[in-house]
C-alpha atoms as a PDB file:
ATOM      1  CA  MET A   1     293.968 346.718  21.154  1.00  0.00           C
ATOM      2  CA  ALA A   2     296.102 349.583  22.262  1.00  0.00           C
ATOM      3  CA  GLU A   3     298.704 349.180  19.659  1.00  0.00           C
ATOM      4  CA  ARG A   4     295.571 349.392  17.178  1.00  0.00           C
ATOM      5  CA  ILE A   5     294.525 352.508  18.810  1.00  0.00           C
ATOM      6  CA  ARG A   6     297.973 354.220  18.718  1.00  0.00           C
ATOM      7  CA  GLU A   7     298.522 353.122  15.211  1.00  0.00           C
ATOM      8  CA  ARG A   8     294.830 355.125  14.723  1.00  0.00           C
ATOM      9  CA  LEU A   9     296.111 358.149  16.700  1.00  0.00           C
ATOM     10  CA  GLY A  10     299.529 358.407  14.957  1.00  0.00           C
ATOM     11  CA  THR A  11     301.611 360.805  16.109  1.00  0.00           C
ATOM     12  CA  ASP A  12     298.974 363.362  17.357  1.00  0.00           C
ATOM     13  CA  PRO A  13     300.969 365.778  20.069  1.00  0.00           C
ATOM     14  CA  ASP A  14     297.864 366.234  21.790  1.00  0.00           C
ATOM     15  CA  ILE A  15     297.317 362.594  22.724  1.00  0.00           C
ATOM     16  CA  ALA A  16     299.401 361.044  25.817  1.00  0.00           C
ATOM     17  CA  GLU A  17     298.793 357.456  27.274  1.00  0.00           C
ATOM     18  CA  LYS A  18     298.283 356.404  30.829  1.00  0.00           C
ATOM     19  CA  ARG A  19     297.889 353.611  32.890  1.00  0.00           C
ATOM     20  CA  MET A  20     294.321 353.718  34.301  1.00  0.00           C
ATOM     21  CA  PHE A  21     291.344 351.614  35.328  1.00  0.00           C
ATOM     22  CA  GLY A  22     293.889 348.398  35.021  1.00  0.00           C
ATOM     23  CA  GLY A  23     294.455 349.040  31.695  1.00  0.00           C
ATOM     24  CA  MET A  24     295.833 351.572  29.219  1.00  0.00           C
ATOM     25  CA  ALA A  25     294.131 355.187  28.589  1.00  0.00           C
ATOM     26  CA  PHE A  26     294.619 357.690  25.770  1.00  0.00           C
ATOM     27  CA  LEU A  27     294.140 361.250  26.611  1.00  0.00           C
ATOM     28  CA  HIS A  28     293.223 364.237  24.559  1.00  0.00           C
ATOM     29  CA  ARG A  29     294.795 367.380  26.149  1.00  0.00           C
ATOM     30  CA  GLY A  30     294.709 365.937  29.461  1.00  0.00           C
ATOM     31  CA  ASN A  31     290.725 364.433  28.957  1.00  0.00           C
ATOM     32  CA  MET A  32     290.710 360.541  28.592  1.00  0.00           C
ATOM     33  CA  ALA A  33     288.902 359.694  25.241  1.00  0.00           C
ATOM     34  CA  VAL A  34     289.350 356.413  25.076  1.00  0.00           C
ATOM     35  CA  GLY A  35     291.270 353.050  26.769  1.00  0.00           C
ATOM     36  CA  VAL A  36     291.560 349.461  27.014  1.00  0.00           C
ATOM     37  CA  THR A  37     290.404 347.463  29.976  1.00  0.00           C
ATOM     38  CA  GLY A  38     291.083 343.699  29.425  1.00  0.00           C
ATOM     39  CA  ASP A  39     289.955 342.887  25.664  1.00  0.00           C
ATOM     40  CA  ASP A  40     287.425 345.820  25.913  1.00  0.00           C
ATOM     41  CA  LEU A  41     287.484 349.337  24.581  1.00  0.00           C
ATOM     42  CA  MET A  42     286.343 352.214  26.995  1.00  0.00           C
ATOM     43  CA  VAL A  43     285.025 355.170  25.051  1.00  0.00           C
ATOM     44  CA  ARG A  44     283.876 358.789  26.483  1.00  0.00           C
ATOM     45  CA  VAL A  45     281.060 359.545  24.649  1.00  0.00           C
ATOM     46  CA  GLY A  46     279.447 362.352  26.555  1.00  0.00           C
ATOM     47  CA  PRO A  47     276.444 362.006  28.826  1.00  0.00           C
ATOM     48  CA  ASP A  48     274.288 363.618  25.821  1.00  0.00           C
ATOM     49  CA  THR A  49     275.274 360.612  23.383  1.00  0.00           C
ATOM     50  CA  THR A  50     275.193 357.990  25.696  1.00  0.00           C
ATOM     51  CA  GLU A  51     271.821 356.808  24.919  1.00  0.00           C
ATOM     52  CA  GLN A  52     272.421 356.310  21.155  1.00  0.00           C
ATOM     53  CA  ALA A  53     275.743 354.925  21.944  1.00  0.00           C
ATOM     54  CA  LEU A  54     274.376 351.904  23.666  1.00  0.00           C
ATOM     55  CA  THR A  55     272.181 351.328  20.845  1.00  0.00           C
ATOM     56  CA  ARG A  56     275.026 350.058  19.045  1.00  0.00           C
ATOM     57  CA  PRO A  57     276.451 346.455  18.807  1.00  0.00           C
ATOM     58  CA  GLY A  58     278.739 345.307  21.834  1.00  0.00           C
ATOM     59  CA  ALA A  59     278.251 348.697  23.652  1.00  0.00           C
ATOM     60  CA  ARG A  60     277.156 348.628  27.260  1.00  0.00           C
ATOM     61  CA  ILE A  61     277.379 351.168  30.294  1.00  0.00           C
ATOM     62  CA  PHE A  62     280.828 351.570  31.718  1.00  0.00           C
ATOM     63  CA  ASP A  63     280.404 350.205  35.581  1.00  0.00           C
ATOM     64  CA  MET A  64     283.560 349.037  37.211  1.00  0.00           C
ATOM     65  CA  THR A  65     282.470 349.664  40.768  1.00  0.00           C
ATOM     66  CA  GLY A  66     278.921 348.966  40.858  1.00  0.00           C
ATOM     67  CA  ARG A  67     278.278 353.013  40.102  1.00  0.00           C
ATOM     68  CA  PRO A  68     277.685 353.684  36.031  1.00  0.00           C
ATOM     69  CA  MET A  69     279.801 356.201  34.752  1.00  0.00           C
ATOM     70  CA  ARG A  70     278.214 358.559  32.961  1.00  0.00           C
ATOM     71  CA  GLY A  71     278.741 359.700  29.410  1.00  0.00           C
ATOM     72  CA  TRP A  72     281.238 356.160  29.213  1.00  0.00           C
ATOM     73  CA  VAL A  73     280.658 352.859  27.502  1.00  0.00           C
ATOM     74  CA  VAL A  74     282.398 349.904  27.128  1.00  0.00           C
ATOM     75  CA  VAL A  75     282.495 348.062  23.714  1.00  0.00           C
ATOM     76  CA  THR A  76     283.485 344.401  23.729  1.00  0.00           C
ATOM     77  CA  GLY A  77     286.547 343.579  21.896  1.00  0.00           C
ATOM     78  CA  SER A  78     285.230 341.344  19.456  1.00  0.00           C
ATOM     79  CA  THR A  79     282.978 343.976  18.173  1.00  0.00           C
ATOM     80  CA  VAL A  80     285.822 346.334  17.362  1.00  0.00           C
ATOM     81  CA  ALA A  81     287.896 343.475  15.612  1.00  0.00           C
ATOM     82  CA  GLU A  82     287.468 345.405  12.029  1.00  0.00           C
ATOM     83  CA  ASP A  83     289.743 348.485  12.191  1.00  0.00           C
ATOM     84  CA  GLU A  84     286.769 350.714  10.446  1.00  0.00           C
ATOM     85  CA  VAL A  85     284.495 350.090  13.575  1.00  0.00           C
ATOM     86  CA  LEU A  86     287.442 350.682  16.150  1.00  0.00           C
ATOM     87  CA  GLY A  87     288.220 353.976  14.127  1.00  0.00           C
ATOM     88  CA  GLU A  88     284.541 355.068  14.793  1.00  0.00           C
ATOM     89  CA  TRP A  89     284.477 354.422  18.442  1.00  0.00           C
ATOM     90  CA  ILE A  90     287.930 356.140  18.569  1.00  0.00           C
ATOM     91  CA  ASP A  91     287.236 359.255  16.459  1.00  0.00           C
ATOM     92  CA  LYS A  92     283.848 359.560  18.922  1.00  0.00           C
ATOM     93  CA  GLY A  93     285.919 359.530  22.167  1.00  0.00           C
ATOM     94  CA  CYS A  94     288.295 361.841  20.678  1.00  0.00           C
ATOM     95  CA  ALA A  95     285.832 364.120  19.648  1.00  0.00           C
ATOM     96  CA  PHE A  96     284.329 364.585  22.645  1.00  0.00           C
ATOM     97  CA  ALA A  97     287.649 364.733  24.492  1.00  0.00           C
ATOM     98  CA  ALA A  98     288.681 367.362  22.323  1.00  0.00           C
ATOM     99  CA  SER A  99     285.792 369.304  22.969  1.00  0.00           C
ATOM    100  CA  LEU A 100     286.527 369.946  27.009  1.00  0.00           C
ATOM    101  CA  PRO A 101     289.047 372.393  28.087  1.00  0.00           C
ATOM    102  CA  PRO A 102     292.504 371.174  28.133  1.00  0.00           C
ATOM    103  CA  LYS A 103     293.612 369.674  31.695  1.00  0.00           C
END
């Protein structure tokens, strides 16, 4: 999945990759936008749109430690098998990360 994300993001100079959460994260100007953990996609949707994001197929709260991360969802890998669906989630994560001040 990481390769598919790289293809979608292209050569955007604002995007960097970093190993995080046991997988690969993609950061926009230092703020994590999306990532891969196992076969699943992590998406930073922001606290105001989390509930809406959770209504989409395959989405659940991001909770790796028993403490849910506010503003984050995990999308089951099989749900993002189609490039169009994966692209929608990537765009959502990147839009939120771009709304934050650079780190």
